[in-house]
PDB file of N, CA and C in Angstrom:
ATOM      1  N   MET A   1      -7.827  -0.526  26.906  1.00  0.00           N
ATOM      2  CA  MET A   1      -7.809   0.620  26.027  1.00  0.00           C
ATOM      3  C   MET A   1      -9.257   1.013  25.761  1.00  0.00           C
ATOM      4  N   SER A   2      -9.563   2.254  25.952  1.00  0.00           N
ATOM      5  CA  SER A   2     -10.919   2.727  25.713  1.00  0.00           C
ATOM      6  C   SER A   2     -11.096   3.069  24.242  1.00  0.00           C
ATOM      7  N   ARG A   3     -12.329   3.250  23.848  1.00  0.00           N
ATOM      8  CA  ARG A   3     -12.641   3.597  22.456  1.00  0.00           C
ATOM      9  C   ARG A   3     -11.989   4.913  22.058  1.00  0.00           C
ATOM     10  N   ARG A   4     -11.864   5.841  23.019  1.00  0.00           N
ATOM     11  CA  ARG A   4     -11.241   7.130  22.723  1.00  0.00           C
ATOM     12  C   ARG A   4      -9.754   6.992  22.419  1.00  0.00           C
ATOM     13  N   ASP A   5      -9.117   5.940  22.919  1.00  0.00           N
ATOM     14  CA  ASP A   5      -7.684   5.744  22.714  1.00  0.00           C
ATOM     15  C   ASP A   5      -7.360   5.146  21.343  1.00  0.00           C
ATOM     16  N   LEU A   6      -8.354   4.615  20.656  1.00  0.00           N
ATOM     17  CA  LEU A   6      -8.108   3.997  19.353  1.00  0.00           C
ATOM     18  C   LEU A   6      -7.752   5.075  18.330  1.00  0.00           C
ATOM     19  N   PRO A   7      -6.802   4.778  17.454  1.00  0.00           N
ATOM     20  CA  PRO A   7      -6.458   5.771  16.427  1.00  0.00           C
ATOM     21  C   PRO A   7      -7.637   5.980  15.480  1.00  0.00           C
ATOM     22  N   ASP A   8      -7.672   7.147  14.883  1.00  0.00           N
ATOM     23  CA  ASP A   8      -8.717   7.456  13.921  1.00  0.00           C
ATOM     24  C   ASP A   8      -8.521   6.566  12.692  1.00  0.00           C
ATOM     25  N   LEU A   9      -9.436   5.637  12.500  1.00  0.00           N
ATOM     26  CA  LEU A   9      -9.301   4.651  11.433  1.00  0.00           C
ATOM     27  C   LEU A   9      -9.241   5.306  10.060  1.00  0.00           C
ATOM     28  N   ASP A  10     -10.096   6.287   9.823  1.00  0.00           N
ATOM     29  CA  ASP A  10     -10.084   6.946   8.517  1.00  0.00           C
ATOM     30  C   ASP A  10      -8.727   7.591   8.232  1.00  0.00           C
ATOM     31  N   ALA A  11      -8.155   8.239   9.227  1.00  0.00           N
ATOM     32  CA  ALA A  11      -6.850   8.880   9.037  1.00  0.00           C
ATOM     33  C   ALA A  11      -5.764   7.836   8.802  1.00  0.00           C
ATOM     34  N   THR A  12      -5.831   6.736   9.528  1.00  0.00           N
ATOM     35  CA  THR A  12      -4.846   5.669   9.365  1.00  0.00           C
ATOM     36  C   THR A  12      -4.916   5.076   7.964  1.00  0.00           C
ATOM     37  N   LEU A  13      -6.118   4.820   7.485  1.00  0.00           N
ATOM     38  CA  LEU A  13      -6.274   4.267   6.138  1.00  0.00           C
ATOM     39  C   LEU A  13      -5.827   5.271   5.075  1.00  0.00           C
ATOM     40  N   TYR A  14      -6.087   6.557   5.311  1.00  0.00           N
ATOM     41  CA  TYR A  14      -5.645   7.587   4.361  1.00  0.00           C
ATOM     42  C   TYR A  14      -4.119   7.601   4.270  1.00  0.00           C
ATOM     43  N   VAL A  15      -3.449   7.552   5.417  1.00  0.00           N
ATOM     44  CA  VAL A  15      -1.987   7.557   5.444  1.00  0.00           C
ATOM     45  C   VAL A  15      -1.447   6.333   4.704  1.00  0.00           C
ATOM     46  N   THR A  16      -2.088   5.183   4.893  1.00  0.00           N
ATOM     47  CA  THR A  16      -1.664   3.958   4.206  1.00  0.00           C
ATOM     48  C   THR A  16      -1.812   4.116   2.696  1.00  0.00           C
ATOM     49  N   THR A  17      -2.956   4.619   2.262  1.00  0.00           N
ATOM     50  CA  THR A  17      -3.195   4.829   0.835  1.00  0.00           C
ATOM     51  C   THR A  17      -2.180   5.802   0.249  1.00  0.00           C
ATOM     52  N   ASP A  18      -1.937   6.880   0.959  1.00  0.00           N
ATOM     53  CA  ASP A  18      -0.986   7.886   0.495  1.00  0.00           C
ATOM     54  C   ASP A  18       0.415   7.290   0.376  1.00  0.00           C
ATOM     55  N   GLY A  19       0.833   6.515   1.371  1.00  0.00           N
ATOM     56  CA  GLY A  19       2.152   5.897   1.339  1.00  0.00           C
ATOM     57  C   GLY A  19       2.306   4.917   0.193  1.00  0.00           C
ATOM     58  N   LEU A  20       1.276   4.125  -0.052  1.00  0.00           N
ATOM     59  CA  LEU A  20       1.334   3.177  -1.167  1.00  0.00           C
ATOM     60  C   LEU A  20       1.413   3.916  -2.503  1.00  0.00           C
ATOM     61  N   GLY A  21       0.675   4.986  -2.622  1.00  0.00           N
ATOM     62  CA  GLY A  21       0.709   5.771  -3.852  1.00  0.00           C
ATOM     63  C   GLY A  21       2.074   6.383  -4.097  1.00  0.00           C
ATOM     64  N   ARG A  22       2.681   6.912  -3.041  1.00  0.00           N
ATOM     65  CA  ARG A  22       4.011   7.497  -3.182  1.00  0.00           C
ATOM     66  C   ARG A  22       5.042   6.429  -3.530  1.00  0.00           C
ATOM     67  N   ALA A  23       4.972   5.272  -2.886  1.00  0.00           N
ATOM     68  CA  ALA A  23       5.918   4.185  -3.186  1.00  0.00           C
ATOM     69  C   ALA A  23       5.802   3.765  -4.645  1.00  0.00           C
ATOM     70  N   ASP A  24       4.578   3.661  -5.136  1.00  0.00           N
ATOM     71  CA  ASP A  24       4.361   3.303  -6.535  1.00  0.00           C
ATOM     72  C   ASP A  24       4.947   4.369  -7.462  1.00  0.00           C
ATOM     73  N   ALA A  25       4.759   5.631  -7.125  1.00  0.00           N
ATOM     74  CA  ALA A  25       5.307   6.722  -7.939  1.00  0.00           C
ATOM     75  C   ALA A  25       6.833   6.692  -7.952  1.00  0.00           C
ATOM     76  N   PHE A  26       7.443   6.381  -6.807  1.00  0.00           N
ATOM     77  CA  PHE A  26       8.902   6.306  -6.746  1.00  0.00           C
ATOM     78  C   PHE A  26       9.427   5.195  -7.651  1.00  0.00           C
ATOM     79  N   ILE A  27       8.774   4.057  -7.613  1.00  0.00           N
ATOM     80  CA  ILE A  27       9.201   2.935  -8.457  1.00  0.00           C
ATOM     81  C   ILE A  27       9.081   3.306  -9.931  1.00  0.00           C
ATOM     82  N   ARG A  28       7.989   3.954 -10.299  1.00  0.00           N
ATOM     83  CA  ARG A  28       7.818   4.361 -11.699  1.00  0.00           C
ATOM     84  C   ARG A  28       8.899   5.359 -12.113  1.00  0.00           C
ATOM     85  N   SER A  29       9.274   6.248 -11.203  1.00  0.00           N
ATOM     86  CA  SER A  29      10.340   7.211 -11.497  1.00  0.00           C
ATOM     87  C   SER A  29      11.672   6.508 -11.714  1.00  0.00           C
ATOM     88  N   VAL A  30      11.974   5.533 -10.889  1.00  0.00           N
ATOM     89  CA  VAL A  30      13.220   4.772 -11.043  1.00  0.00           C
ATOM     90  C   VAL A  30      13.222   4.051 -12.385  1.00  0.00           C
ATOM     91  N   GLU A  31      12.108   3.450 -12.740  1.00  0.00           N
ATOM     92  CA  GLU A  31      12.031   2.757 -14.039  1.00  0.00           C
ATOM     93  C   GLU A  31      12.312   3.721 -15.186  1.00  0.00           C
ATOM     94  N   ARG A  32      11.712   4.907 -15.131  1.00  0.00           N
ATOM     95  CA  ARG A  32      11.927   5.895 -16.198  1.00  0.00           C
ATOM     96  C   ARG A  32      13.387   6.338 -16.257  1.00  0.00           C
ATOM     97  N   LEU A  33      13.991   6.555 -15.088  1.00  0.00           N
ATOM     98  CA  LEU A  33      15.402   6.953 -15.071  1.00  0.00           C
ATOM     99  C   LEU A  33      16.297   5.875 -15.673  1.00  0.00           C
ATOM    100  N   ILE A  34      16.034   4.646 -15.332  1.00  0.00           N
ATOM    101  CA  ILE A  34      16.834   3.543 -15.872  1.00  0.00           C
ATOM    102  C   ILE A  34      16.653   3.467 -17.380  1.00  0.00           C
ATOM    103  N   ASP A  35      15.404   3.571 -17.846  1.00  0.00           N
ATOM    104  CA  ASP A  35      15.144   3.493 -19.281  1.00  0.00           C
ATOM    105  C   ASP A  35      15.733   4.686 -20.034  1.00  0.00           C
ATOM    106  N   ASP A  36      15.609   5.882 -19.456  1.00  0.00           N
ATOM    107  CA  ASP A  36      16.070   7.093 -20.136  1.00  0.00           C
ATOM    108  C   ASP A  36      17.585   7.247 -20.147  1.00  0.00           C
ATOM    109  N   HIS A  37      18.251   6.827 -19.056  1.00  0.00           N
ATOM    110  CA  HIS A  37      19.678   7.099 -18.919  1.00  0.00           C
ATOM    111  C   HIS A  37      20.554   5.856 -18.921  1.00  0.00           C
ATOM    112  N   GLY A  38      19.953   4.700 -18.799  1.00  0.00           N
ATOM    113  CA  GLY A  38      20.738   3.472 -18.793  1.00  0.00           C
ATOM    114  C   GLY A  38      21.576   3.346 -17.540  1.00  0.00           C
ATOM    115  N   ILE A  39      22.369   2.312 -17.506  1.00  0.00           N
ATOM    116  CA  ILE A  39      23.245   2.039 -16.367  1.00  0.00           C
ATOM    117  C   ILE A  39      24.684   2.206 -16.839  1.00  0.00           C
ATOM    118  N   VAL A  40      25.441   2.993 -16.121  1.00  0.00           N
ATOM    119  CA  VAL A  40      26.848   3.179 -16.432  1.00  0.00           C
ATOM    120  C   VAL A  40      27.649   2.487 -15.340  1.00  0.00           C
ATOM    121  N   ALA A  41      28.365   1.457 -15.727  1.00  0.00           N
ATOM    122  CA  ALA A  41      29.163   0.710 -14.750  1.00  0.00           C
ATOM    123  C   ALA A  41      30.544   1.320 -14.631  1.00  0.00           C
ATOM    124  N   GLU A  42      31.170   1.065 -13.488  1.00  0.00           N
ATOM    125  CA  GLU A  42      32.555   1.485 -13.312  1.00  0.00           C
ATOM    126  C   GLU A  42      33.430   0.686 -14.273  1.00  0.00           C
ATOM    127  N   ASP A  43      34.571   1.211 -14.587  1.00  0.00           N
ATOM    128  CA  ASP A  43      35.488   0.551 -15.515  1.00  0.00           C
ATOM    129  C   ASP A  43      36.242  -0.570 -14.807  1.00  0.00           C
ATOM    130  N   SER A  44      35.785  -1.800 -15.032  1.00  0.00           N
ATOM    131  CA  SER A  44      36.502  -2.954 -14.487  1.00  0.00           C
ATOM    132  C   SER A  44      36.238  -4.137 -15.399  1.00  0.00           C
ATOM    133  N   ALA A  45      37.280  -4.613 -15.994  1.00  0.00           N
ATOM    134  CA  ALA A  45      37.154  -5.649 -17.007  1.00  0.00           C
ATOM    135  C   ALA A  45      36.765  -7.008 -16.437  1.00  0.00           C
ATOM    136  N   ASP A  46      37.258  -7.366 -15.262  1.00  0.00           N
ATOM    137  CA  ASP A  46      37.048  -8.707 -14.730  1.00  0.00           C
ATOM    138  C   ASP A  46      35.993  -8.785 -13.628  1.00  0.00           C
ATOM    139  N   ASP A  47      35.330  -7.718 -13.320  1.00  0.00           N
ATOM    140  CA  ASP A  47      34.408  -7.680 -12.179  1.00  0.00           C
ATOM    141  C   ASP A  47      32.962  -7.810 -12.658  1.00  0.00           C
ATOM    142  N   ASP A  48      32.376  -9.014 -12.463  1.00  0.00           N
ATOM    143  CA  ASP A  48      30.987  -9.235 -12.875  1.00  0.00           C
ATOM    144  C   ASP A  48      29.996  -8.380 -12.089  1.00  0.00           C
ATOM    145  N   ASP A  49      30.371  -7.942 -10.891  1.00  0.00           N
ATOM    146  CA  ASP A  49      29.466  -7.129 -10.084  1.00  0.00           C
ATOM    147  C   ASP A  49      29.184  -5.773 -10.715  1.00  0.00           C
ATOM    148  N   HIS A  50      30.030  -5.346 -11.642  1.00  0.00           N
ATOM    149  CA  HIS A  50      29.842  -4.056 -12.287  1.00  0.00           C
ATOM    150  C   HIS A  50      29.408  -4.188 -13.750  1.00  0.00           C
ATOM    151  N   ASP A  51      29.038  -5.380 -14.153  1.00  0.00           N
ATOM    152  CA  ASP A  51      28.570  -5.600 -15.511  1.00  0.00           C
ATOM    153  C   ASP A  51      27.226  -4.891 -15.682  1.00  0.00           C
ATOM    154  N   PRO A  52      27.104  -3.985 -16.661  1.00  0.00           N
ATOM    155  CA  PRO A  52      25.854  -3.228 -16.831  1.00  0.00           C
ATOM    156  C   PRO A  52      24.622  -4.119 -17.017  1.00  0.00           C
ATOM    157  N   GLY A  53      24.763  -5.210 -17.756  1.00  0.00           N
ATOM    158  CA  GLY A  53      23.624  -6.109 -17.946  1.00  0.00           C
ATOM    159  C   GLY A  53      23.202  -6.770 -16.646  1.00  0.00           C
ATOM    160  N   ARG A  54      24.186  -7.182 -15.863  1.00  0.00           N
ATOM    161  CA  ARG A  54      23.893  -7.814 -14.568  1.00  0.00           C
ATOM    162  C   ARG A  54      23.231  -6.817 -13.616  1.00  0.00           C
ATOM    163  N   ILE A  55      23.755  -5.603 -13.576  1.00  0.00           N
ATOM    164  CA  ILE A  55      23.180  -4.565 -12.710  1.00  0.00           C
ATOM    165  C   ILE A  55      21.746  -4.265 -13.145  1.00  0.00           C
ATOM    166  N   ARG A  56      21.542  -4.135 -14.448  1.00  0.00           N
ATOM    167  CA  ARG A  56      20.200  -3.834 -14.962  1.00  0.00           C
ATOM    168  C   ARG A  56      19.223  -4.962 -14.610  1.00  0.00           C
ATOM    169  N   ASN A  57      19.663  -6.214 -14.758  1.00  0.00           N
ATOM    170  CA  ASN A  57      18.801  -7.350 -14.412  1.00  0.00           C
ATOM    171  C   ASN A  57      18.472  -7.366 -12.920  1.00  0.00           C
ATOM    172  N   HIS A  58      19.471  -7.060 -12.108  1.00  0.00           N
ATOM    173  CA  HIS A  58      19.256  -7.023 -10.661  1.00  0.00           C
ATOM    174  C   HIS A  58      18.255  -5.915 -10.307  1.00  0.00           C
ATOM    175  N   LEU A  59      18.433  -4.743 -10.895  1.00  0.00           N
ATOM    176  CA  LEU A  59      17.499  -3.640 -10.641  1.00  0.00           C
ATOM    177  C   LEU A  59      16.098  -3.987 -11.132  1.00  0.00           C
ATOM    178  N   ALA A  60      15.995  -4.615 -12.280  1.00  0.00           N
ATOM    179  CA  ALA A  60      14.687  -5.014 -12.805  1.00  0.00           C
ATOM    180  C   ALA A  60      13.997  -5.983 -11.853  1.00  0.00           C
ATOM    181  N   HIS A  61      14.765  -6.921 -11.298  1.00  0.00           N
ATOM    182  CA  HIS A  61      14.200  -7.866 -10.333  1.00  0.00           C
ATOM    183  C   HIS A  61      13.720  -7.141  -9.078  1.00  0.00           C
ATOM    184  N   LEU A  62      14.538  -6.230  -8.555  1.00  0.00           N
ATOM    185  CA  LEU A  62      14.147  -5.480  -7.354  1.00  0.00           C
ATOM    186  C   LEU A  62      12.903  -4.629  -7.609  1.00  0.00           C
ATOM    187  N   ILE A  63      12.854  -3.985  -8.755  1.00  0.00           N
ATOM    188  CA  ILE A  63      11.689  -3.162  -9.089  1.00  0.00           C
ATOM    189  C   ILE A  63      10.444  -4.032  -9.218  1.00  0.00           C
ATOM    190  N   GLY A  64      10.570  -5.161  -9.902  1.00  0.00           N
ATOM    191  CA  GLY A  64       9.424  -6.058 -10.052  1.00  0.00           C
ATOM    192  C   GLY A  64       8.930  -6.581  -8.711  1.00  0.00           C
ATOM    193  N   SER A  65       9.851  -6.935  -7.846  1.00  0.00           N
ATOM    194  CA  SER A  65       9.468  -7.428  -6.516  1.00  0.00           C
ATOM    195  C   SER A  65       8.804  -6.335  -5.694  1.00  0.00           C
ATOM    196  N   THR A  66       9.321  -5.125  -5.797  1.00  0.00           N
ATOM    197  CA  THR A  66       8.739  -3.999  -5.072  1.00  0.00           C
ATOM    198  C   THR A  66       7.332  -3.699  -5.577  1.00  0.00           C
ATOM    199  N   LYS A  67       7.161  -3.725  -6.895  1.00  0.00           N
ATOM    200  CA  LYS A  67       5.838  -3.482  -7.461  1.00  0.00           C
ATOM    201  C   LYS A  67       4.844  -4.553  -7.016  1.00  0.00           C
ATOM    202  N   ALA A  68       5.284  -5.799  -6.957  1.00  0.00           N
ATOM    203  CA  ALA A  68       4.402  -6.879  -6.498  1.00  0.00           C
ATOM    204  C   ALA A  68       4.016  -6.664  -5.033  1.00  0.00           C
ATOM    205  N   ALA A  69       4.974  -6.248  -4.215  1.00  0.00           N
ATOM    206  CA  ALA A  69       4.686  -5.988  -2.803  1.00  0.00           C
ATOM    207  C   ALA A  69       3.699  -4.833  -2.647  1.00  0.00           C
ATOM    208  N   ILE A  70       3.853  -3.813  -3.468  1.00  0.00           N
ATOM    209  CA  ILE A  70       2.926  -2.674  -3.422  1.00  0.00           C
ATOM    210  C   ILE A  70       1.522  -3.133  -3.826  1.00  0.00           C
ATOM    211  N   ARG A  71       1.420  -3.942  -4.875  1.00  0.00           N
ATOM    212  CA  ARG A  71       0.102  -4.436  -5.308  1.00  0.00           C
ATOM    213  C   ARG A  71      -0.553  -5.283  -4.215  1.00  0.00           C
ATOM    214  N   GLU A  72       0.245  -6.130  -3.551  1.00  0.00           N
ATOM    215  CA  GLU A  72      -0.291  -6.946  -2.461  1.00  0.00           C
ATOM    216  C   GLU A  72      -0.789  -6.067  -1.316  1.00  0.00           C
ATOM    217  N   ALA A  73      -0.018  -5.038  -0.997  1.00  0.00           N
ATOM    218  CA  ALA A  73      -0.428  -4.126   0.083  1.00  0.00           C
ATOM    219  C   ALA A  73      -1.677  -3.338  -0.311  1.00  0.00           C
ATOM    220  N   GLN A  74      -1.772  -2.926  -1.571  1.00  0.00           N
ATOM    221  CA  GLN A  74      -2.966  -2.222  -2.033  1.00  0.00           C
ATOM    222  C   GLN A  74      -4.199  -3.121  -1.954  1.00  0.00           C
ATOM    223  N   TYR A  75      -4.046  -4.379  -2.325  1.00  0.00           N
ATOM    224  CA  TYR A  75      -5.155  -5.325  -2.241  1.00  0.00           C
ATOM    225  C   TYR A  75      -5.578  -5.513  -0.782  1.00  0.00           C
ATOM    226  N   ALA A  76      -4.599  -5.726   0.094  1.00  0.00           N
ATOM    227  CA  ALA A  76      -4.908  -5.912   1.517  1.00  0.00           C
ATOM    228  C   ALA A  76      -5.581  -4.671   2.084  1.00  0.00           C
ATOM    229  N   HIS A  77      -5.114  -3.508   1.675  1.00  0.00           N
ATOM    230  CA  HIS A  77      -5.726  -2.254   2.124  1.00  0.00           C
ATOM    231  C   HIS A  77      -7.178  -2.181   1.667  1.00  0.00           C
ATOM    232  N   GLY A  78      -7.427  -2.529   0.423  1.00  0.00           N
ATOM    233  CA  GLY A  78      -8.801  -2.519  -0.092  1.00  0.00           C
ATOM    234  C   GLY A  78      -9.707  -3.473   0.668  1.00  0.00           C
ATOM    235  N   GLN A  79      -9.179  -4.646   0.984  1.00  0.00           N
ATOM    236  CA  GLN A  79      -9.955  -5.617   1.758  1.00  0.00           C
ATOM    237  C   GLN A  79     -10.237  -5.089   3.167  1.00  0.00           C
ATOM    238  N   THR A  80      -9.259  -4.446   3.766  1.00  0.00           N
ATOM    239  CA  THR A  80      -9.436  -3.883   5.108  1.00  0.00           C
ATOM    240  C   THR A  80     -10.509  -2.798   5.098  1.00  0.00           C
ATOM    241  N   VAL A  81     -10.445  -1.920   4.122  1.00  0.00           N
ATOM    242  CA  VAL A  81     -11.448  -0.856   4.013  1.00  0.00           C
ATOM    243  C   VAL A  81     -12.840  -1.454   3.843  1.00  0.00           C
ATOM    244  N   ALA A  82     -12.970  -2.443   2.974  1.00  0.00           N
ATOM    245  CA  ALA A  82     -14.275  -3.069   2.734  1.00  0.00           C
ATOM    246  C   ALA A  82     -14.817  -3.714   4.005  1.00  0.00           C
ATOM    247  N   ARG A  83     -13.957  -4.384   4.759  1.00  0.00           N
ATOM    248  CA  ARG A  83     -14.408  -5.030   6.001  1.00  0.00           C
ATOM    249  C   ARG A  83     -14.832  -4.007   7.045  1.00  0.00           C
ATOM    250  N   PHE A  84     -14.063  -2.931   7.177  1.00  0.00           N
ATOM    251  CA  PHE A  84     -14.448  -1.901   8.142  1.00  0.00           C
ATOM    252  C   PHE A  84     -15.732  -1.201   7.735  1.00  0.00           C
ATOM    253  N   GLU A  85     -15.919  -0.963   6.440  1.00  0.00           N
ATOM    254  CA  GLU A  85     -17.166  -0.340   5.985  1.00  0.00           C
ATOM    255  C   GLU A  85     -18.351  -1.258   6.264  1.00  0.00           C
ATOM    256  N   ALA A  86     -18.190  -2.561   6.045  1.00  0.00           N
ATOM    257  CA  ALA A  86     -19.265  -3.515   6.335  1.00  0.00           C
ATOM    258  C   ALA A  86     -19.547  -3.547   7.837  1.00  0.00           C
ATOM    259  N   HIS A  87     -18.492  -3.514   8.637  1.00  0.00           N
ATOM    260  CA  HIS A  87     -18.656  -3.518  10.093  1.00  0.00           C
ATOM    261  C   HIS A  87     -19.373  -2.250  10.553  1.00  0.00           C
ATOM    262  N   ARG A  88     -19.000  -1.104   9.991  1.00  0.00           N
ATOM    263  CA  ARG A  88     -19.658   0.160  10.354  1.00  0.00           C
ATOM    264  C   ARG A  88     -21.138   0.128   9.973  1.00  0.00           C
ATOM    265  N   ALA A  89     -21.426  -0.388   8.792  1.00  0.00           N
ATOM    266  CA  ALA A  89     -22.820  -0.455   8.348  1.00  0.00           C
ATOM    267  C   ALA A  89     -23.629  -1.367   9.265  1.00  0.00           C
ATOM    268  N   GLU A  90     -23.060  -2.508   9.636  1.00  0.00           N
ATOM    269  CA  GLU A  90     -23.748  -3.439  10.538  1.00  0.00           C
ATOM    270  C   GLU A  90     -23.952  -2.802  11.908  1.00  0.00           C
ATOM    271  N   SER A  91     -22.951  -2.103  12.408  1.00  0.00           N
ATOM    272  CA  SER A  91     -23.075  -1.425  13.702  1.00  0.00           C
ATOM    273  C   SER A  91     -24.165  -0.376  13.660  1.00  0.00           C
ATOM    274  N   GLU A  92     -24.243   0.354  12.572  1.00  0.00           N
ATOM    275  CA  GLU A  92     -25.280   1.394  12.433  1.00  0.00           C
ATOM    276  C   GLU A  92     -26.671   0.763  12.375  1.00  0.00           C
ATOM    277  N   ARG A  93     -26.816  -0.352  11.645  1.00  0.00           N
ATOM    278  CA  ARG A  93     -28.114  -1.031  11.585  1.00  0.00           C
ATOM    279  C   ARG A  93     -28.512  -1.543  12.967  1.00  0.00           C
ATOM    280  N   THR A  94     -27.550  -2.094  13.700  1.00  0.00           N
ATOM    281  CA  THR A  94     -27.827  -2.591  15.049  1.00  0.00           C
ATOM    282  C   THR A  94     -28.246  -1.449  15.957  1.00  0.00           C
ATOM    283  N   ARG A  95     -27.546  -0.336  15.875  1.00  0.00           N
ATOM    284  CA  ARG A  95     -27.877   0.833  16.693  1.00  0.00           C
ATOM    285  C   ARG A  95     -29.285   1.323  16.384  1.00  0.00           C
ATOM    286  N   GLU A  96     -29.618   1.405  15.114  1.00  0.00           N
ATOM    287  CA  GLU A  96     -30.949   1.869  14.725  1.00  0.00           C
ATOM    288  C   GLU A  96     -32.030   0.911  15.204  1.00  0.00           C
ATOM    289  N   THR A  97     -31.749  -0.393  15.144  1.00  0.00           N
ATOM    290  CA  THR A  97     -32.714  -1.395  15.617  1.00  0.00           C
ATOM    291  C   THR A  97     -32.937  -1.262  17.116  1.00  0.00           C
ATOM    292  N   VAL A  98     -31.872  -1.088  17.872  1.00  0.00           N
ATOM    293  CA  VAL A  98     -31.984  -0.943  19.328  1.00  0.00           C
ATOM    294  C   VAL A  98     -32.754   0.312  19.676  1.00  0.00           C
ATOM    295  N   ILE A  99     -32.475   1.397  18.993  1.00  0.00           N
ATOM    296  CA  ILE A  99     -33.194   2.646  19.253  1.00  0.00           C
ATOM    297  C   ILE A  99     -34.672   2.485  18.923  1.00  0.00           C
ATOM    298  N   ALA A 100     -34.967   1.858  17.784  1.00  0.00           N
ATOM    299  CA  ALA A 100     -36.367   1.658  17.377  1.00  0.00           C
ATOM    300  C   ALA A 100     -37.092   0.776  18.376  1.00  0.00           C
ATOM    301  N   GLU A 101     -36.455  -0.279  18.837  1.00  0.00           N
ATOM    302  CA  GLU A 101     -37.082  -1.158  19.830  1.00  0.00           C
ATOM    303  C   GLU A 101     -37.299  -0.439  21.155  1.00  0.00           C
ATOM    304  N   HIS A 102     -36.344   0.373  21.539  1.00  0.00           N
ATOM    305  CA  HIS A 102     -36.453   1.116  22.789  1.00  0.00           C
ATOM    306  C   HIS A 102     -37.565   2.158  22.704  1.00  0.00           C
ATOM    307  N   GLU A 103     -37.682   2.826  21.578  1.00  0.00           N
ATOM    308  CA  GLU A 103     -38.734   3.836  21.408  1.00  0.00           C
ATOM    309  C   GLU A 103     -40.116   3.206  21.340  1.00  0.00           C
ATOM    310  N   GLY A 104     -40.188   1.973  20.905  1.00  0.00           N
ATOM    311  CA  GLY A 104     -41.483   1.280  20.785  1.00  0.00           C
ATOM    312  C   GLY A 104     -41.997   0.748  22.098  1.00  0.00           C
ATOM    313  N   GLN A 105     -41.189   0.747  23.143  1.00  0.00           N
ATOM    314  CA  GLN A 105     -41.626   0.223  24.456  1.00  0.00           C
ATOM    315  C   GLN A 105     -42.413   1.284  25.196  1.00  0.00           C
ATOM    316  N   PRO A 106     -43.452   0.839  25.974  1.00  0.00           N
ATOM    317  CA  PRO A 106     -44.257   1.818  26.757  1.00  0.00           C
ATOM    318  C   PRO A 106     -43.498   2.405  27.914  1.00  0.00           C
TER     319      PRO A 106
END
């Protein structure tokens, strides 16, 4: 694979950031809907699967797990950006050093 075939890193990181932001916004919206409107279970006296408290606890667990996954992905994204920025800076310093050494030769 040539350098030209590599995806645009900046665009890829932007898409990742945008996706994480949207996922976080969706989770916050779900939390607000649950808090504002509550959970209405179907009418069934003996069915624990439709117990409003059980459903609410299950949703709370799923939301908490999703939020943790989003935070982990945001952290990993931040680390990736920092590493690529350090790599770019090092590459630029190396390029400048090579050019300076080449220009200094007779």
